[in-house]
PDB file of N, CA and C in Angstrom:
ATOM      1  N   MET A   1      24.679  -3.156  16.871  1.00  0.00           N
ATOM      2  CA  MET A   1      23.748  -3.488  16.613  1.00  0.00           C
ATOM      3  C   MET A   1      22.669  -3.315  17.548  1.00  0.00           C
ATOM      4  N   GLN A   2      22.619  -3.703  18.293  1.00  0.00           N
ATOM      5  CA  GLN A   2      22.038  -3.288  19.600  1.00  0.00           C
ATOM      6  C   GLN A   2      21.022  -1.909  19.375  1.00  0.00           C
ATOM      7  N   LYS A   3      21.506  -1.213  19.017  1.00  0.00           N
ATOM      8  CA  LYS A   3      21.023   0.388  18.974  1.00  0.00           C
ATOM      9  C   LYS A   3      19.885   0.121  17.812  1.00  0.00           C
ATOM     10  N   ASP A   4      20.486  -0.809  16.526  1.00  0.00           N
ATOM     11  CA  ASP A   4      19.835  -0.488  15.425  1.00  0.00           C
ATOM     12  C   ASP A   4      18.524  -1.590  15.880  1.00  0.00           C
ATOM     13  N   ASN A   5      18.501  -2.838  17.052  1.00  0.00           N
ATOM     14  CA  ASN A   5      17.300  -3.584  17.390  1.00  0.00           C
ATOM     15  C   ASN A   5      16.322  -2.803  18.110  1.00  0.00           C
ATOM     16  N   SER A   6      16.890  -2.021  18.643  1.00  0.00           N
ATOM     17  CA  SER A   6      16.233  -0.648  19.742  1.00  0.00           C
ATOM     18  C   SER A   6      15.352   0.271  18.879  1.00  0.00           C
ATOM     19  N   SER A   7      15.949   0.302  17.861  1.00  0.00           N
ATOM     20  CA  SER A   7      15.198   1.713  16.908  1.00  0.00           C
ATOM     21  C   SER A   7      13.954   1.125  16.170  1.00  0.00           C
ATOM     22  N   ASN A   8      14.358  -0.254  15.552  1.00  0.00           N
ATOM     23  CA  ASN A   8      13.439  -1.009  15.058  1.00  0.00           C
ATOM     24  C   ASN A   8      12.154  -1.288  15.902  1.00  0.00           C
ATOM     25  N   GLN A   9      12.409  -1.822  17.236  1.00  0.00           N
ATOM     26  CA  GLN A   9      11.431  -1.910  17.965  1.00  0.00           C
ATOM     27  C   GLN A   9      10.438  -0.666  18.139  1.00  0.00           C
ATOM     28  N   GLU A  10      11.340   0.448  18.466  1.00  0.00           N
ATOM     29  CA  GLU A  10      10.355   1.587  18.845  1.00  0.00           C
ATOM     30  C   GLU A  10       9.458   1.942  17.468  1.00  0.00           C
ATOM     31  N   TRP A  11      10.130   1.645  16.252  1.00  0.00           N
ATOM     32  CA  TRP A  11       9.406   2.000  15.028  1.00  0.00           C
ATOM     33  C   TRP A  11       7.851   0.840  14.753  1.00  0.00           C
ATOM     34  N   ILE A  12       8.250  -0.411  15.288  1.00  0.00           N
ATOM     35  CA  ILE A  12       7.173  -1.588  15.366  1.00  0.00           C
ATOM     36  C   ILE A  12       6.499  -0.987  16.033  1.00  0.00           C
ATOM     37  N   ASP A  13       6.543  -0.754  17.619  1.00  0.00           N
ATOM     38  CA  ASP A  13       5.659  -0.117  18.415  1.00  0.00           C
ATOM     39  C   ASP A  13       4.833   1.092  18.090  1.00  0.00           C
ATOM     40  N   GLY A  14       5.644   2.459  17.146  1.00  0.00           N
ATOM     41  CA  GLY A  14       4.806   3.137  16.889  1.00  0.00           C
ATOM     42  C   GLY A  14       3.681   3.054  15.751  1.00  0.00           C
ATOM     43  N   LEU A  15       4.249   2.014  14.839  1.00  0.00           N
ATOM     44  CA  LEU A  15       2.890   1.458  13.965  1.00  0.00           C
ATOM     45  C   LEU A  15       1.640   0.653  15.043  1.00  0.00           C
ATOM     46  N   LYS A  16       2.384  -0.099  15.727  1.00  0.00           N
ATOM     47  CA  LYS A  16       1.317  -0.684  16.494  1.00  0.00           C
ATOM     48  C   LYS A  16       0.448   0.433  17.538  1.00  0.00           C
ATOM     49  N   SER A  17       0.991   1.392  17.672  1.00  0.00           N
ATOM     50  CA  SER A  17       0.126   2.792  18.415  1.00  0.00           C
ATOM     51  C   SER A  17      -0.923   3.095  17.147  1.00  0.00           C
ATOM     52  N   GLU A  18      -0.445   3.522  15.927  1.00  0.00           N
ATOM     53  CA  GLU A  18      -0.868   4.368  14.858  1.00  0.00           C
ATOM     54  C   GLU A  18      -2.153   3.314  14.510  1.00  0.00           C
ATOM     55  N   PHE A  19      -2.445   2.146  14.512  1.00  0.00           N
ATOM     56  CA  PHE A  19      -3.187   1.259  13.688  1.00  0.00           C
ATOM     57  C   PHE A  19      -3.843   0.623  14.457  1.00  0.00           C
ATOM     58  N   ASN A  20      -4.916   0.337  14.791  1.00  0.00           N
ATOM     59  CA  ASN A  20      -5.901  -0.278  15.275  1.00  0.00           C
ATOM     60  C   ASN A  20      -6.696  -1.934  14.683  1.00  0.00           C
ATOM     61  N   GLN A  21      -7.325  -2.434  15.602  1.00  0.00           N
ATOM     62  CA  GLN A  21      -7.829  -3.979  14.457  1.00  0.00           C
ATOM     63  C   GLN A  21      -8.705  -3.530  13.645  1.00  0.00           C
ATOM     64  N   GLU A  22      -9.302  -2.845  13.396  1.00  0.00           N
ATOM     65  CA  GLU A  22     -10.209  -2.833  11.953  1.00  0.00           C
ATOM     66  C   GLU A  22      -9.258  -2.276  10.954  1.00  0.00           C
ATOM     67  N   ASP A  23      -8.001  -1.591  11.192  1.00  0.00           N
ATOM     68  CA  ASP A  23      -7.317  -0.746  10.247  1.00  0.00           C
ATOM     69  C   ASP A  23      -6.451  -2.509   9.798  1.00  0.00           C
ATOM     70  N   LEU A  24      -6.140  -3.187  10.698  1.00  0.00           N
ATOM     71  CA  LEU A  24      -5.448  -4.173  10.441  1.00  0.00           C
ATOM     72  C   LEU A  24      -5.959  -5.421   9.675  1.00  0.00           C
ATOM     73  N   ALA A  25      -7.836  -5.312  10.058  1.00  0.00           N
ATOM     74  CA  ALA A  25      -8.458  -6.077   9.148  1.00  0.00           C
ATOM     75  C   ALA A  25      -8.631  -5.726   7.982  1.00  0.00           C
ATOM     76  N   LYS A  26      -8.733  -4.417   7.286  1.00  0.00           N
ATOM     77  CA  LYS A  26      -8.606  -3.944   6.092  1.00  0.00           C
ATOM     78  C   LYS A  26      -7.255  -4.391   5.368  1.00  0.00           C
ATOM     79  N   LEU A  27      -6.383  -4.063   5.938  1.00  0.00           N
ATOM     80  CA  LEU A  27      -5.188  -4.395   5.275  1.00  0.00           C
ATOM     81  C   LEU A  27      -4.910  -5.682   4.715  1.00  0.00           C
ATOM     82  N   PHE A  28      -5.886  -7.068   5.433  1.00  0.00           N
ATOM     83  CA  PHE A  28      -5.338  -8.193   4.661  1.00  0.00           C
ATOM     84  C   PHE A  28      -6.812  -8.563   4.149  1.00  0.00           C
ATOM     85  N   ASN A  29      -7.807  -7.306   3.653  1.00  0.00           N
ATOM     86  CA  ASN A  29      -8.598  -7.900   3.182  1.00  0.00           C
ATOM     87  C   ASN A  29      -8.012  -7.936   1.320  1.00  0.00           C
ATOM     88  N   TYR A  30      -6.656  -7.280   1.458  1.00  0.00           N
ATOM     89  CA  TYR A  30      -6.091  -7.043   0.058  1.00  0.00           C
ATOM     90  C   TYR A  30      -5.998  -8.339  -0.583  1.00  0.00           C
ATOM     91  N   PRO A  31      -6.249  -8.752  -1.757  1.00  0.00           N
ATOM     92  CA  PRO A  31      -5.608 -10.518  -2.187  1.00  0.00           C
ATOM     93  C   PRO A  31      -4.001 -10.507  -2.682  1.00  0.00           C
ATOM     94  N   SER A  32      -3.620 -11.482  -2.316  1.00  0.00           N
ATOM     95  CA  SER A  32      -2.490 -11.456  -2.499  1.00  0.00           C
ATOM     96  C   SER A  32      -1.725 -11.327  -4.296  1.00  0.00           C
ATOM     97  N   ILE A  33      -0.491 -10.920  -4.298  1.00  0.00           N
ATOM     98  CA  ILE A  33       0.013 -10.654  -5.512  1.00  0.00           C
ATOM     99  C   ILE A  33      -0.273 -11.708  -6.463  1.00  0.00           C
ATOM    100  N   GLY A  34       0.282 -12.557  -6.115  1.00  0.00           N
ATOM    101  CA  GLY A  34      -0.038 -13.648  -6.799  1.00  0.00           C
ATOM    102  C   GLY A  34      -1.490 -14.288  -7.310  1.00  0.00           C
ATOM    103  N   GLN A  35      -2.978 -13.911  -6.098  1.00  0.00           N
ATOM    104  CA  GLN A  35      -3.951 -14.060  -6.411  1.00  0.00           C
ATOM    105  C   GLN A  35      -4.443 -13.188  -8.120  1.00  0.00           C
ATOM    106  N   LEU A  36      -3.734 -11.937  -8.064  1.00  0.00           N
ATOM    107  CA  LEU A  36      -4.405 -10.684  -8.781  1.00  0.00           C
ATOM    108  C   LEU A  36      -3.866 -11.114  -9.864  1.00  0.00           C
ATOM    109  N   PHE A  37      -2.640 -11.759 -10.501  1.00  0.00           N
ATOM    110  CA  PHE A  37      -2.185 -11.894 -11.472  1.00  0.00           C
ATOM    111  C   PHE A  37      -2.277 -13.638 -12.126  1.00  0.00           C
ATOM    112  N   SER A  38      -2.732 -14.430 -11.111  1.00  0.00           N
ATOM    113  CA  SER A  38      -3.352 -15.716 -11.587  1.00  0.00           C
ATOM    114  C   SER A  38      -4.707 -16.034 -12.138  1.00  0.00           C
ATOM    115  N   GLU A  39      -5.290 -15.351 -11.981  1.00  0.00           N
ATOM    116  CA  GLU A  39      -6.751 -15.618 -12.345  1.00  0.00           C
ATOM    117  C   GLU A  39      -7.251 -14.528 -13.804  1.00  0.00           C
ATOM    118  N   LYS A  40      -8.006 -15.447 -14.338  1.00  0.00           N
ATOM    119  CA  LYS A  40      -8.094 -15.073 -15.856  1.00  0.00           C
ATOM    120  C   LYS A  40      -9.036 -13.678 -15.982  1.00  0.00           C
ATOM    121  N   GLU A  41      -9.722 -13.543 -14.577  1.00  0.00           N
ATOM    122  CA  GLU A  41     -10.651 -12.082 -14.658  1.00  0.00           C
ATOM    123  C   GLU A  41      -9.766 -11.139 -14.084  1.00  0.00           C
ATOM    124  N   ILE A  42      -9.652 -10.046 -14.696  1.00  0.00           N
ATOM    125  CA  ILE A  42      -8.862  -9.016 -14.372  1.00  0.00           C
ATOM    126  C   ILE A  42      -9.600  -8.420 -12.801  1.00  0.00           C
ATOM    127  N   SER A  43     -10.891  -8.168 -12.937  1.00  0.00           N
ATOM    128  CA  SER A  43     -11.876  -7.511 -11.876  1.00  0.00           C
ATOM    129  C   SER A  43     -11.362  -7.495 -10.742  1.00  0.00           C
ATOM    130  N   ASN A  44     -10.760  -8.386 -10.427  1.00  0.00           N
ATOM    131  CA  ASN A  44      -9.578  -8.351  -8.655  1.00  0.00           C
ATOM    132  C   ASN A  44      -8.611  -7.414  -8.983  1.00  0.00           C
ATOM    133  N   LEU A  45      -7.651  -7.490 -10.287  1.00  0.00           N
ATOM    134  CA  LEU A  45      -7.030  -6.498  -9.978  1.00  0.00           C
ATOM    135  C   LEU A  45      -7.088  -4.899 -10.417  1.00  0.00           C
ATOM    136  N   GLU A  46      -8.556  -4.729 -11.244  1.00  0.00           N
ATOM    137  CA  GLU A  46      -8.751  -3.702 -11.317  1.00  0.00           C
ATOM    138  C   GLU A  46      -9.375  -3.347 -10.041  1.00  0.00           C
ATOM    139  N   GLU A  47      -9.999  -3.654  -9.094  1.00  0.00           N
ATOM    140  CA  GLU A  47     -10.595  -3.476  -7.753  1.00  0.00           C
ATOM    141  C   GLU A  47      -9.587  -3.427  -6.726  1.00  0.00           C
ATOM    142  N   PHE A  48      -8.366  -4.051  -6.748  1.00  0.00           N
ATOM    143  CA  PHE A  48      -7.033  -3.641  -6.262  1.00  0.00           C
ATOM    144  C   PHE A  48      -6.557  -2.119  -6.364  1.00  0.00           C
ATOM    145  N   PHE A  49      -6.729  -2.061  -7.760  1.00  0.00           N
ATOM    146  CA  PHE A  49      -5.786  -0.812  -8.330  1.00  0.00           C
ATOM    147  C   PHE A  49      -6.948   0.624  -7.844  1.00  0.00           C
ATOM    148  N   ALA A  50      -8.262   0.124  -7.590  1.00  0.00           N
ATOM    149  CA  ALA A  50      -9.228   1.291  -7.267  1.00  0.00           C
ATOM    150  C   ALA A  50      -9.272   1.249  -6.000  1.00  0.00           C
ATOM    151  N   LYS A  51      -9.112   0.597  -5.206  1.00  0.00           N
ATOM    152  CA  LYS A  51      -8.663   0.668  -3.574  1.00  0.00           C
ATOM    153  C   LYS A  51      -7.189   1.441  -3.169  1.00  0.00           C
ATOM    154  N   LEU A  52      -6.257   0.796  -3.814  1.00  0.00           N
ATOM    155  CA  LEU A  52      -5.011   1.594  -3.444  1.00  0.00           C
ATOM    156  C   LEU A  52      -5.232   3.351  -4.046  1.00  0.00           C
ATOM    157  N   THR A  53      -5.672   3.738  -5.416  1.00  0.00           N
ATOM    158  CA  THR A  53      -6.208   4.949  -5.698  1.00  0.00           C
ATOM    159  C   THR A  53      -6.767   5.729  -4.664  1.00  0.00           C
ATOM    160  N   ALA A  54      -7.982   4.624  -4.456  1.00  0.00           N
ATOM    161  CA  ALA A  54      -8.669   5.784  -3.564  1.00  0.00           C
ATOM    162  C   ALA A  54      -8.084   5.954  -2.186  1.00  0.00           C
ATOM    163  N   THR A  55      -7.023   5.068  -1.733  1.00  0.00           N
ATOM    164  CA  THR A  55      -6.465   5.343  -0.600  1.00  0.00           C
ATOM    165  C   THR A  55      -5.208   6.322  -0.481  1.00  0.00           C
ATOM    166  N   ASN A  56      -4.928   6.213  -1.824  1.00  0.00           N
ATOM    167  CA  ASN A  56      -4.081   7.631  -2.101  1.00  0.00           C
ATOM    168  C   ASN A  56      -4.831   8.607  -2.156  1.00  0.00           C
ATOM    169  N   GLU A  57      -5.663   8.845  -2.782  1.00  0.00           N
ATOM    170  CA  GLU A  57      -6.273  10.223  -2.900  1.00  0.00           C
ATOM    171  C   GLU A  57      -6.687  10.865  -1.336  1.00  0.00           C
ATOM    172  N   ASN A  58      -7.243   9.708  -0.550  1.00  0.00           N
ATOM    173  CA  ASN A  58      -7.425  10.343   0.495  1.00  0.00           C
ATOM    174  C   ASN A  58      -6.429  10.859   1.720  1.00  0.00           C
ATOM    175  N   LEU A  59      -4.891  10.161   1.251  1.00  0.00           N
ATOM    176  CA  LEU A  59      -3.606  10.585   1.870  1.00  0.00           C
ATOM    177  C   LEU A  59      -3.573  11.544   1.704  1.00  0.00           C
ATOM    178  N   GLU A  60      -3.754  12.376   0.265  1.00  0.00           N
ATOM    179  CA  GLU A  60      -3.324  13.311  -0.164  1.00  0.00           C
ATOM    180  C   GLU A  60      -4.116  14.431   0.151  1.00  0.00           C
ATOM    181  N   ARG A  61      -5.364  14.129   0.338  1.00  0.00           N
ATOM    182  CA  ARG A  61      -6.059  15.270   1.524  1.00  0.00           C
ATOM    183  C   ARG A  61      -5.317  15.328   2.818  1.00  0.00           C
ATOM    184  N   VAL A  62      -5.319  14.338   3.642  1.00  0.00           N
ATOM    185  CA  VAL A  62      -4.470  14.712   4.780  1.00  0.00           C
ATOM    186  C   VAL A  62      -3.359  15.195   4.604  1.00  0.00           C
ATOM    187  N   ILE A  63      -2.544  15.231   3.554  1.00  0.00           N
ATOM    188  CA  ILE A  63      -1.403  15.853   3.482  1.00  0.00           C
ATOM    189  C   ILE A  63      -1.433  17.578   3.042  1.00  0.00           C
ATOM    190  N   ARG A  64      -2.562  17.533   2.445  1.00  0.00           N
ATOM    191  CA  ARG A  64      -2.920  18.899   2.385  1.00  0.00           C
ATOM    192  C   ARG A  64      -3.451  19.312   3.505  1.00  0.00           C
ATOM    193  N   TYR A  65      -4.552  18.815   4.047  1.00  0.00           N
ATOM    194  CA  TYR A  65      -5.224  19.875   5.113  1.00  0.00           C
ATOM    195  C   TYR A  65      -5.216  19.539   6.490  1.00  0.00           C
ATOM    196  N   GLY A  66      -4.288  18.039   6.894  1.00  0.00           N
ATOM    197  CA  GLY A  66      -4.052  17.594   8.447  1.00  0.00           C
ATOM    198  C   GLY A  66      -2.874  18.672   8.711  1.00  0.00           C
ATOM    199  N   ASN A  67      -2.684  18.145  10.349  1.00  0.00           N
ATOM    200  CA  ASN A  67      -1.923  18.799  10.803  1.00  0.00           C
ATOM    201  C   ASN A  67      -0.363  18.147  10.375  1.00  0.00           C
ATOM    202  N   GLN A  68       1.007  18.681  10.828  1.00  0.00           N
ATOM    203  CA  GLN A  68       2.254  18.552  10.332  1.00  0.00           C
ATOM    204  C   GLN A  68       2.815  17.052  10.591  1.00  0.00           C
ATOM    205  N   SER A  69       2.044  16.288  11.556  1.00  0.00           N
ATOM    206  CA  SER A  69       2.588  15.015  11.903  1.00  0.00           C
ATOM    207  C   SER A  69       1.945  14.379  11.026  1.00  0.00           C
ATOM    208  N   GLU A  70       0.378  14.353  11.004  1.00  0.00           N
ATOM    209  CA  GLU A  70      -0.203  13.443   9.993  1.00  0.00           C
ATOM    210  C   GLU A  70       0.096  13.671   8.623  1.00  0.00           C
ATOM    211  N   ALA A  71       0.048  15.110   8.162  1.00  0.00           N
ATOM    212  CA  ALA A  71       0.651  15.210   7.365  1.00  0.00           C
ATOM    213  C   ALA A  71       2.548  14.154   6.632  1.00  0.00           C
ATOM    214  N   GLU A  72       2.890  14.458   7.401  1.00  0.00           N
ATOM    215  CA  GLU A  72       4.216  13.822   7.241  1.00  0.00           C
ATOM    216  C   GLU A  72       4.263  12.293   7.189  1.00  0.00           C
ATOM    217  N   LYS A  73       3.297  11.588   8.403  1.00  0.00           N
ATOM    218  CA  LYS A  73       2.586  10.297   8.097  1.00  0.00           C
ATOM    219  C   LYS A  73       2.134   9.760   6.892  1.00  0.00           C
ATOM    220  N   ALA A  74       1.321  10.724   6.179  1.00  0.00           N
ATOM    221  CA  ALA A  74       0.137  10.322   5.082  1.00  0.00           C
ATOM    222  C   ALA A  74       1.216  10.651   4.022  1.00  0.00           C
ATOM    223  N   THR A  75       2.358  11.416   3.838  1.00  0.00           N
ATOM    224  CA  THR A  75       3.179  11.437   3.109  1.00  0.00           C
ATOM    225  C   THR A  75       4.088  10.042   2.607  1.00  0.00           C
ATOM    226  N   ARG A  76       4.648   9.638   3.724  1.00  0.00           N
ATOM    227  CA  ARG A  76       5.198   8.405   3.928  1.00  0.00           C
ATOM    228  C   ARG A  76       4.089   7.356   2.984  1.00  0.00           C
ATOM    229  N   ALA A  77       3.252   7.065   3.620  1.00  0.00           N
ATOM    230  CA  ALA A  77       1.880   6.202   3.405  1.00  0.00           C
ATOM    231  C   ALA A  77       1.716   6.333   1.669  1.00  0.00           C
ATOM    232  N   SER A  78       1.717   7.878   1.305  1.00  0.00           N
ATOM    233  CA  SER A  78       1.484   8.260  -0.442  1.00  0.00           C
ATOM    234  C   SER A  78       2.082   7.964  -0.907  1.00  0.00           C
ATOM    235  N   GLN A  79       3.784   7.693  -0.848  1.00  0.00           N
ATOM    236  CA  GLN A  79       4.877   7.435  -1.528  1.00  0.00           C
ATOM    237  C   GLN A  79       4.866   6.022  -1.617  1.00  0.00           C
ATOM    238  N   ALA A  80       4.433   5.236  -0.606  1.00  0.00           N
ATOM    239  CA  ALA A  80       4.647   3.517  -0.578  1.00  0.00           C
ATOM    240  C   ALA A  80       3.666   3.160  -1.461  1.00  0.00           C
ATOM    241  N   ILE A  81       2.234   3.854  -1.485  1.00  0.00           N
ATOM    242  CA  ILE A  81       1.242   3.692  -2.305  1.00  0.00           C
ATOM    243  C   ILE A  81       1.262   3.777  -3.791  1.00  0.00           C
ATOM    244  N   LYS A  82       2.246   4.664  -3.802  1.00  0.00           N
ATOM    245  CA  LYS A  82       2.522   4.755  -5.426  1.00  0.00           C
ATOM    246  C   LYS A  82       3.853   4.146  -5.806  1.00  0.00           C
ATOM    247  N   ILE A  83       4.505   3.572  -5.051  1.00  0.00           N
ATOM    248  CA  ILE A  83       5.715   3.018  -5.699  1.00  0.00           C
ATOM    249  C   ILE A  83       4.829   1.644  -5.843  1.00  0.00           C
ATOM    250  N   THR A  84       4.036   1.043  -4.943  1.00  0.00           N
ATOM    251  CA  THR A  84       2.978  -0.652  -5.241  1.00  0.00           C
ATOM    252  C   THR A  84       2.359  -0.332  -6.371  1.00  0.00           C
ATOM    253  N   LEU A  85       1.823   0.934  -6.721  1.00  0.00           N
ATOM    254  CA  LEU A  85       0.852   0.966  -8.095  1.00  0.00           C
ATOM    255  C   LEU A  85       1.980   1.019  -9.481  1.00  0.00           C
ATOM    256  N   GLU A  86       2.838   1.688  -9.114  1.00  0.00           N
ATOM    257  CA  GLU A  86       4.128   1.705 -10.148  1.00  0.00           C
ATOM    258  C   GLU A  86       4.593  -0.116 -10.371  1.00  0.00           C
ATOM    259  N   PHE A  87       4.564  -0.663  -9.505  1.00  0.00           N
ATOM    260  CA  PHE A  87       4.856  -1.999  -9.289  1.00  0.00           C
ATOM    261  C   PHE A  87       4.151  -3.238  -9.826  1.00  0.00           C
ATOM    262  N   LEU A  88       3.065  -2.663  -9.569  1.00  0.00           N
ATOM    263  CA  LEU A  88       1.637  -3.892 -10.325  1.00  0.00           C
ATOM    264  C   LEU A  88       1.664  -3.472 -11.532  1.00  0.00           C
ATOM    265  N   ARG A  89       1.365  -2.173 -11.612  1.00  0.00           N
ATOM    266  CA  ARG A  89       1.278  -1.998 -13.255  1.00  0.00           C
ATOM    267  C   ARG A  89       2.595  -2.150 -14.288  1.00  0.00           C
ATOM    268  N   ASN A  90       3.733  -2.092 -13.628  1.00  0.00           N
ATOM    269  CA  ASN A  90       5.026  -2.869 -14.562  1.00  0.00           C
ATOM    270  C   ASN A  90       4.497  -4.495 -14.534  1.00  0.00           C
ATOM    271  N   LEU A  91       4.127  -5.216 -13.321  1.00  0.00           N
ATOM    272  CA  LEU A  91       3.605  -6.514 -13.683  1.00  0.00           C
ATOM    273  C   LEU A  91       2.887  -6.586 -14.416  1.00  0.00           C
ATOM    274  N   GLU A  92       2.138  -6.168 -14.611  1.00  0.00           N
ATOM    275  CA  GLU A  92       0.536  -6.322 -15.554  1.00  0.00           C
ATOM    276  C   GLU A  92       1.127  -6.412 -16.681  1.00  0.00           C
ATOM    277  N   GLU A  93       2.015  -5.040 -17.391  1.00  0.00           N
ATOM    278  CA  GLU A  93       2.776  -4.691 -18.565  1.00  0.00           C
ATOM    279  C   GLU A  93       3.647  -6.432 -18.818  1.00  0.00           C
ATOM    280  N   MET A  94       4.032  -6.540 -17.913  1.00  0.00           N
ATOM    281  CA  MET A  94       4.960  -7.999 -18.097  1.00  0.00           C
ATOM    282  C   MET A  94       4.402  -8.899 -18.422  1.00  0.00           C
ATOM    283  N   GLN A  95       2.979  -9.122 -17.436  1.00  0.00           N
ATOM    284  CA  GLN A  95       2.160 -10.488 -17.952  1.00  0.00           C
ATOM    285  C   GLN A  95       1.793 -10.475 -19.379  1.00  0.00           C
ATOM    286  N   THR A  96       1.007  -8.816 -19.834  1.00  0.00           N
ATOM    287  CA  THR A  96       0.555  -8.629 -21.167  1.00  0.00           C
ATOM    288  C   THR A  96       1.427  -8.756 -22.192  1.00  0.00           C
ATOM    289  N   ALA A  97       2.671  -8.451 -22.256  1.00  0.00           N
ATOM    290  CA  ALA A  97       3.829  -8.592 -23.241  1.00  0.00           C
ATOM    291  C   ALA A  97       4.177  -9.999 -23.084  1.00  0.00           C
ATOM    292  N   ASN A  98       4.112 -10.812 -22.036  1.00  0.00           N
ATOM    293  CA  ASN A  98       4.253 -12.106 -21.953  1.00  0.00           C
ATOM    294  C   ASN A  98       3.093 -13.438 -22.832  1.00  0.00           C
ATOM    295  N   GLU A  99       1.963 -12.971 -22.473  1.00  0.00           N
ATOM    296  CA  GLU A  99       1.041 -13.713 -22.840  1.00  0.00           C
ATOM    297  C   GLU A  99       0.721 -13.067 -24.412  1.00  0.00           C
ATOM    298  N   LYS A 100       1.371 -11.714 -25.151  1.00  0.00           N
ATOM    299  CA  LYS A 100       1.428 -12.037 -26.586  1.00  0.00           C
ATOM    300  C   LYS A 100       2.308 -12.854 -27.290  1.00  0.00           C
ATOM    301  N   LYS A 101       3.483 -13.372 -26.478  1.00  0.00           N
ATOM    302  CA  LYS A 101       4.221 -14.202 -27.288  1.00  0.00           C
ATOM    303  C   LYS A 101       3.957 -15.213 -27.662  1.00  0.00           C
TER     304      LYS A 101
END
């Protein structure tokens, strides 16, 4: 069990070293999922999709043109964004289907 905590801490320390305060501030500018789906206007949701899509496109460039270390990190981040986009699209479809009932 101690080994797992140690590796978790190493992972957290690695993340801290990769992100600066500006990166973290940008992260917290994203609205919560609840806010995205509770508002009548879908513009916030569409804007969120656009931000994630643009971020993923930038990561794809890093994957293609960055060094191996950067490309590996960008690949993991890109996979996370793709999963998030799929999750949000599924929620959107479920909400739309629920509204039609």
